[in-house]
Structures are given as C-alpha cells and as structure tokens.
C-alpha cells in the first residue's frame, strides 16, 4: 500500500549547518506518527517540508510534491501550526469556516453545519458566536484545530493532518482530548503526524515514534521499541527510567535525575 507521506534521504542545510540529514520516513493511512526530539533537533524544519513551505526533492505527499499549488491538495492535507495568531476580530464560527475555502468560495448552510460539527469535536460549540480574540490561548488553539477538521471534512480518499505541538498550550484534560481526537481521526483513515514534546503522551497515543537527534533519525518504531532509556539519553542528553504504565499497555517515562 502506497504511504500517504514518503520522505527519502531528505537533507536540509542552512548557512553551512545541517538541520536535517538523510531523513527517511513514511506515514500510513490510519496511523498516528509522533515526531520527538529536543529543541533544535529538526522537528519544525521537517514539518515545514511536509507542509510544502520548504520545497525539496525526496518529499512526497499524497502521491506528489509537498509544495504543489492548488486547492486539491489543500482539501486532502491540513496543518495546524504551533502558534496561529488571531489578528482580526473574527467570530469563532467564521474562523472555522476559513477551513472550507479549498472546497469553494461559498458560505453555505452545509458549510456552517460542518463548522459547528467540528467545533463540537473540540468541545467549543458553545463558543461559536464569540470573538476569537476573547478566548484563551488554549481555546484559540482548539478553534484552529476545528478549522483543520473543517478543511478535511467531506474529502473523499486519502487525508493527512499535520500537527505542530498541538498540546503545548492546553491543560491536562484537553491534551488528552486532543490526542484522543487524533486517534479517532486515524480510525477514520486519516494519517496524522504530530510533533510532540511530551514523551508519555507519545507513548500512550502514537502508533510509531520518530526520534530526531541533531537532524538525524535516531529511531522510528513503535513506542515500546523507540522509547528506551538508551534512545532517550542519546536524543535528549538526560537519564530516564522507562517502565510499564500501571493501567495502560505502554511505556511510562520518568526522569532519573
């Protein structure tokens, strides 16, 4: 089966510094792939290649170049940046409706129903009429997640969702709610790639973990194989203890110092 995303021998150098070196990865249908690594490991640079912001050979998204123009790809690939400013006093509903733009220049009752349904999925239907600037940072991030859901909604065939630290500004309950939603999307056949910082969230929710270290792939494997104390020490320069979660069938990582 052809992967939704395939990266082959991707190298990215800026001013003589290699930010990525010989990176290989695939994203499959219905898979949640977590990308981990310390600050400066190359996670954001990799994501910028997958969104098409940085066009390079060796990156294939949904059967073609990641940077190809047009609305067709936008209906099949959506991305949630880590920080999405809200410079205008849009309502929450109107912000989510921006995700419907690739589906045509219209604002129909169907589009509004889709937008409300997507707000439901992130727990913010009651905020539809509010000015987005009056929401907290975490609530705004959930609105933009709903926007990406609206962008992919109703698209036949393969779909990809790219998330850059989607839990960074969220409280504990909404961190888990967001990743449970990501798992639900995987159950619908969407391929989800999420850059995360929390090792335990990755261990609990990801099908596979890609661990970057100084721009290179240290490992890409299921959490039980990828998140060992040796791999984590190599990637983060920090000693940890890895045990089994007492309630869940996944690794549990705690600092050893």
Protein backbone atom coordinates (compact mmCIF):
# COMPACT_ATOMS: atom_id res chain seq x y z
CA UNK A 1 0.00 0.00 0.00
CA UNK A 2 1.40 3.40 -1.01
CA UNK A 3 2.12 5.60 2.05
CA UNK A 4 0.38 8.95 2.42
CA UNK A 5 3.74 10.63 3.04
CA UNK A 6 7.13 9.36 2.00
CA UNK A 7 10.39 11.12 2.77
CA UNK A 8 13.56 9.74 1.21
CA UNK A 9 17.11 10.91 2.02
CA UNK A 10 15.97 14.43 2.96
CA UNK A 11 18.83 16.76 3.85
CA UNK A 12 18.45 20.46 4.63
CA UNK A 13 21.42 22.79 5.13
CA UNK A 14 21.29 26.48 6.09
CA UNK A 15 24.46 28.59 6.13
CA UNK A 16 26.64 25.52 6.35
CA UNK A 17 24.66 23.93 9.18
CA UNK A 18 22.80 20.71 8.52
CA UNK A 19 19.34 20.95 10.09
CA UNK A 20 18.26 17.61 8.60
CA UNK A 21 20.48 14.82 7.33
CA UNK A 22 19.39 11.79 5.32
CA UNK A 23 15.90 11.64 6.87
CA UNK A 24 13.62 8.79 5.83
CA UNK A 25 10.04 8.33 6.99
CA UNK A 26 6.62 7.13 5.91
CA UNK A 27 3.12 7.91 7.15
CA UNK A 28 0.44 5.32 6.55
CA UNK A 29 -3.34 5.51 6.40
CA UNK A 30 -4.90 5.43 9.85
CA UNK A 31 -1.57 5.93 11.61
CA UNK A 32 -0.53 8.41 14.27
CA UNK A 33 3.20 9.11 13.94
CA UNK A 34 4.74 11.18 16.74
CA UNK A 35 7.90 13.17 15.99
CA UNK A 36 10.04 13.77 19.08
CA UNK A 37 13.38 15.38 19.85
CA UNK A 38 14.89 18.14 21.91
CA UNK A 39 14.84 21.79 20.84
CA UNK A 40 16.83 22.26 17.66
CA UNK A 41 16.64 18.60 16.65
CA UNK A 42 14.97 19.47 13.32
CA UNK A 43 11.30 18.76 14.08
CA UNK A 44 9.93 22.08 12.84
CA UNK A 45 12.16 22.04 9.74
CA UNK A 46 10.86 18.58 8.88
CA UNK A 47 7.27 19.71 9.32
CA UNK A 48 7.87 22.72 7.05
CA UNK A 49 8.95 20.32 4.32
CA UNK A 50 5.80 18.26 4.76
CA UNK A 51 3.54 21.33 4.58
CA UNK A 52 5.30 22.44 1.40
CA UNK A 53 6.69 25.63 2.93
CA UNK A 54 10.16 24.31 2.12
CA UNK A 55 10.18 22.59 -1.26
CA UNK A 56 12.74 19.80 -1.58
CA UNK A 57 13.12 16.66 -3.61
CA UNK A 58 12.61 13.49 -1.67
CA UNK A 59 9.31 14.55 -0.07
CA UNK A 60 6.12 13.03 -1.48
CA UNK A 61 2.71 13.88 -0.02
CA UNK A 62 -0.34 12.08 -1.35
CA UNK A 63 1.45 10.98 -4.48
CA UNK A 64 3.06 14.27 -5.48
CA UNK A 65 5.40 17.07 -4.37
CA UNK A 66 4.58 18.55 -0.98
CA UNK A 67 4.80 22.10 -2.33
CA UNK A 68 2.49 21.75 -5.36
CA UNK A 69 -0.07 24.58 -5.64
CA UNK A 70 -3.84 24.44 -5.90
CA UNK A 71 -6.83 23.69 -3.74
CA UNK A 72 -6.95 19.96 -4.49
CA UNK A 73 -4.07 19.18 -2.12
CA UNK A 74 -5.49 21.60 0.46
CA UNK A 75 -8.66 19.50 0.63
CA UNK A 76 -6.58 16.43 1.46
CA UNK A 77 -3.79 17.89 3.64
CA UNK A 78 -4.30 20.23 6.58
CA UNK A 79 -1.75 21.61 9.01
CA UNK A 80 -2.02 23.12 12.48
CA UNK A 81 0.94 25.38 13.33
CA UNK A 82 2.14 25.68 16.91
CA UNK A 83 1.14 29.35 17.02
CA UNK A 84 -1.70 30.76 14.92
CA UNK A 85 -2.26 34.49 15.52
CA UNK A 86 -5.78 35.91 15.63
CA UNK A 87 -5.17 39.46 14.32
CA UNK A 88 -8.78 40.10 13.33
CA UNK A 89 -11.95 40.11 15.39
CA UNK A 90 -13.45 37.10 13.64
CA UNK A 91 -16.09 35.07 15.35
CA UNK A 92 -15.12 31.55 16.33
CA UNK A 93 -17.51 30.15 13.72
CA UNK A 94 -16.10 32.38 10.96
CA UNK A 95 -12.57 31.30 11.89
CA UNK A 96 -13.51 27.64 11.49
CA UNK A 97 -15.24 28.44 8.19
CA UNK A 98 -11.84 29.51 6.80
CA UNK A 99 -11.11 25.81 6.60
CA UNK A 100 -13.85 25.43 4.00
CA UNK A 101 -12.18 27.80 1.49
CA UNK A 102 -10.49 24.99 -0.51
CA UNK A 103 -13.94 23.48 -1.05
CA UNK A 104 -15.15 26.54 -2.96
CA UNK A 105 -15.80 30.29 -2.48
CA UNK A 106 -19.06 29.92 -0.65
CA UNK A 107 -20.55 30.07 2.80
CA UNK A 108 -23.49 27.70 2.67
CA UNK A 109 -25.70 26.26 5.37
CA UNK A 110 -23.83 22.99 4.84
CA UNK A 111 -20.50 24.73 5.49
CA UNK A 112 -21.86 26.20 8.70
CA UNK A 113 -23.18 22.83 9.80
CA UNK A 114 -19.72 21.34 9.12
CA UNK A 115 -18.07 24.14 11.11
CA UNK A 116 -20.39 23.64 14.08
CA UNK A 117 -19.82 19.88 13.99
CA UNK A 118 -16.07 20.44 14.03
CA UNK A 119 -16.41 22.82 16.99
CA UNK A 120 -18.38 20.05 18.69
CA UNK A 121 -15.44 17.69 18.22
CA UNK A 122 -13.10 20.06 20.06
CA UNK A 123 -15.66 20.91 22.77
CA UNK A 124 -16.30 24.52 21.72
CA UNK A 125 -19.70 24.55 20.01
CA UNK A 126 -20.99 26.92 22.68
CA UNK A 127 -18.32 29.47 21.74
CA UNK A 128 -19.34 29.71 18.05
CA UNK A 129 -20.57 33.30 18.31
CA UNK A 130 -17.71 34.65 20.41
CA UNK A 131 -14.91 36.87 19.15
CA UNK A 132 -11.88 34.57 18.88
CA UNK A 133 -9.69 37.24 20.48
CA UNK A 134 -11.65 36.89 23.73
CA UNK A 135 -10.65 33.23 24.08
CA UNK A 136 -7.66 31.92 25.98
CA UNK A 137 -4.61 30.75 24.04
CA UNK A 138 -5.55 27.12 24.56
CA UNK A 139 -9.12 27.72 23.42
CA UNK A 140 -7.87 29.53 20.31
CA UNK A 141 -5.65 26.55 19.52
CA UNK A 142 -8.68 24.26 19.73
CA UNK A 143 -10.60 26.58 17.38
CA UNK A 144 -7.80 26.29 14.84
CA UNK A 145 -7.82 22.52 15.26
CA UNK A 146 -11.53 22.65 14.40
CA UNK A 147 -10.60 24.72 11.33
CA UNK A 148 -8.27 21.96 10.10
CA UNK A 149 -11.03 19.39 10.67
CA UNK A 150 -13.40 21.52 8.59
CA UNK A 151 -10.76 21.68 5.86
CA UNK A 152 -10.57 17.88 5.60
CA UNK A 153 -14.29 17.23 6.17
CA UNK A 154 -16.08 15.52 3.31
CA UNK A 155 -12.95 14.98 1.25
CA UNK A 156 -13.07 11.56 -0.43
CA UNK A 157 -9.95 9.43 -0.44
CA UNK A 158 -6.72 9.91 1.47
CA UNK A 159 -6.26 12.68 4.02
CA UNK A 160 -3.29 13.90 6.08
CA UNK A 161 -3.28 16.05 9.21
CA UNK A 162 0.00 17.66 10.34
CA UNK A 163 0.13 18.94 13.92
CA UNK A 164 2.94 21.07 15.38
CA UNK A 165 2.90 20.68 19.17
CA UNK A 166 -0.91 20.57 19.35
CA UNK A 167 -0.90 20.05 23.14
CA UNK A 168 1.62 22.77 24.04
CA UNK A 169 -0.86 25.39 25.26
CA UNK A 170 -3.51 23.00 26.61
CA UNK A 171 -4.36 21.88 30.11
CA UNK A 172 -4.09 18.21 31.04
CA UNK A 173 -7.66 17.26 30.15
CA UNK A 174 -7.54 18.95 26.76
CA UNK A 175 -4.13 17.49 25.94
CA UNK A 176 -5.65 14.04 26.21
CA UNK A 177 -8.88 15.10 24.49
CA UNK A 178 -6.87 16.43 21.53
CA UNK A 179 -4.86 13.24 21.12
CA UNK A 180 -7.96 11.07 21.57
CA UNK A 181 -9.47 13.10 18.71
CA UNK A 182 -6.33 12.44 16.68
CA UNK A 183 -6.79 8.71 17.33
CA UNK A 184 -10.45 8.97 16.28
CA UNK A 185 -9.33 10.57 13.02
CA UNK A 186 -6.90 7.71 12.50
CA UNK A 187 -9.87 5.38 12.92
CA UNK A 188 -11.48 7.25 10.02
CA UNK A 189 -8.43 6.56 7.84
CA UNK A 190 -6.66 9.91 8.27
CA UNK A 191 -2.89 9.82 8.59
CA UNK A 192 -1.80 12.05 11.48
CA UNK A 193 1.75 13.27 12.06
CA UNK A 194 2.20 15.17 15.32
CA UNK A 195 5.29 16.93 16.66
CA UNK A 196 5.19 16.46 20.42
CA UNK A 197 7.38 17.26 23.41
CA UNK A 198 5.70 15.03 25.99
CA UNK A 199 7.22 11.57 25.78
CA UNK A 200 4.43 9.97 27.80
CA UNK A 201 1.71 11.37 25.55
CA UNK A 202 3.57 9.96 22.56
CA UNK A 203 3.95 6.61 24.31
CA UNK A 204 0.22 6.46 25.07
CA UNK A 205 -1.24 7.60 21.75
CA UNK A 206 1.23 7.08 18.91
CA UNK A 207 1.45 4.02 16.69
CA UNK A 208 5.07 4.84 15.94
CA UNK A 209 7.60 7.32 17.27
CA UNK A 210 10.23 9.03 15.15
CA UNK A 211 13.04 10.30 17.37
CA UNK A 212 15.23 13.03 15.88
CA UNK A 213 18.70 13.85 17.19
CA UNK A 214 20.71 16.69 15.63
CA UNK A 215 18.75 16.42 12.39
CA UNK A 216 19.09 12.65 12.02
CA UNK A 217 16.57 9.89 12.64
CA UNK A 218 17.74 8.02 15.72
CA UNK A 219 14.88 5.54 15.53
CA UNK A 220 11.41 5.17 14.05
CA UNK A 221 9.45 2.37 15.66
CA UNK A 222 6.52 1.57 17.95
CA UNK A 223 6.77 3.32 21.34
CA UNK A 224 7.88 0.13 23.12
CA UNK A 225 10.90 -0.08 20.82
CA UNK A 226 11.64 3.60 20.26
CA UNK A 227 11.28 4.97 23.79
CA UNK A 228 14.06 3.15 25.58
CA UNK A 229 16.29 4.78 28.18
CA UNK A 230 19.24 4.46 25.76
CA UNK A 231 17.43 6.16 22.88
CA UNK A 232 16.09 8.93 25.12
CA UNK A 233 19.53 9.56 26.62
CA UNK A 234 21.03 9.79 23.13
CA UNK A 235 18.32 12.16 21.90
CA UNK A 236 17.92 14.41 24.94
CA UNK A 237 21.16 14.00 26.91
CA UNK A 238 19.14 13.12 30.00
CA UNK A 239 18.80 9.93 32.01
CA UNK A 240 15.33 8.46 32.43
CA UNK A 241 13.72 5.36 33.81
CA UNK A 242 11.37 3.52 31.47
CA UNK A 243 8.80 1.20 33.00
CA UNK A 244 5.32 -0.01 32.12
CA UNK A 245 2.29 2.14 32.77
CA UNK A 246 0.31 0.51 35.61
CA UNK A 247 -3.02 0.91 33.79
CA UNK A 248 -2.15 1.20 30.11
CA UNK A 249 -0.17 -1.07 27.85
CA UNK A 250 2.53 1.48 27.02
CA UNK A 251 5.89 2.71 28.32
CA UNK A 252 5.99 5.16 31.22
CA UNK A 253 8.99 7.52 31.29
CA UNK A 254 10.20 9.33 34.40
CA UNK A 255 13.29 11.44 34.94
CA UNK A 256 16.17 9.70 36.70
CA UNK A 257 17.68 12.91 37.99
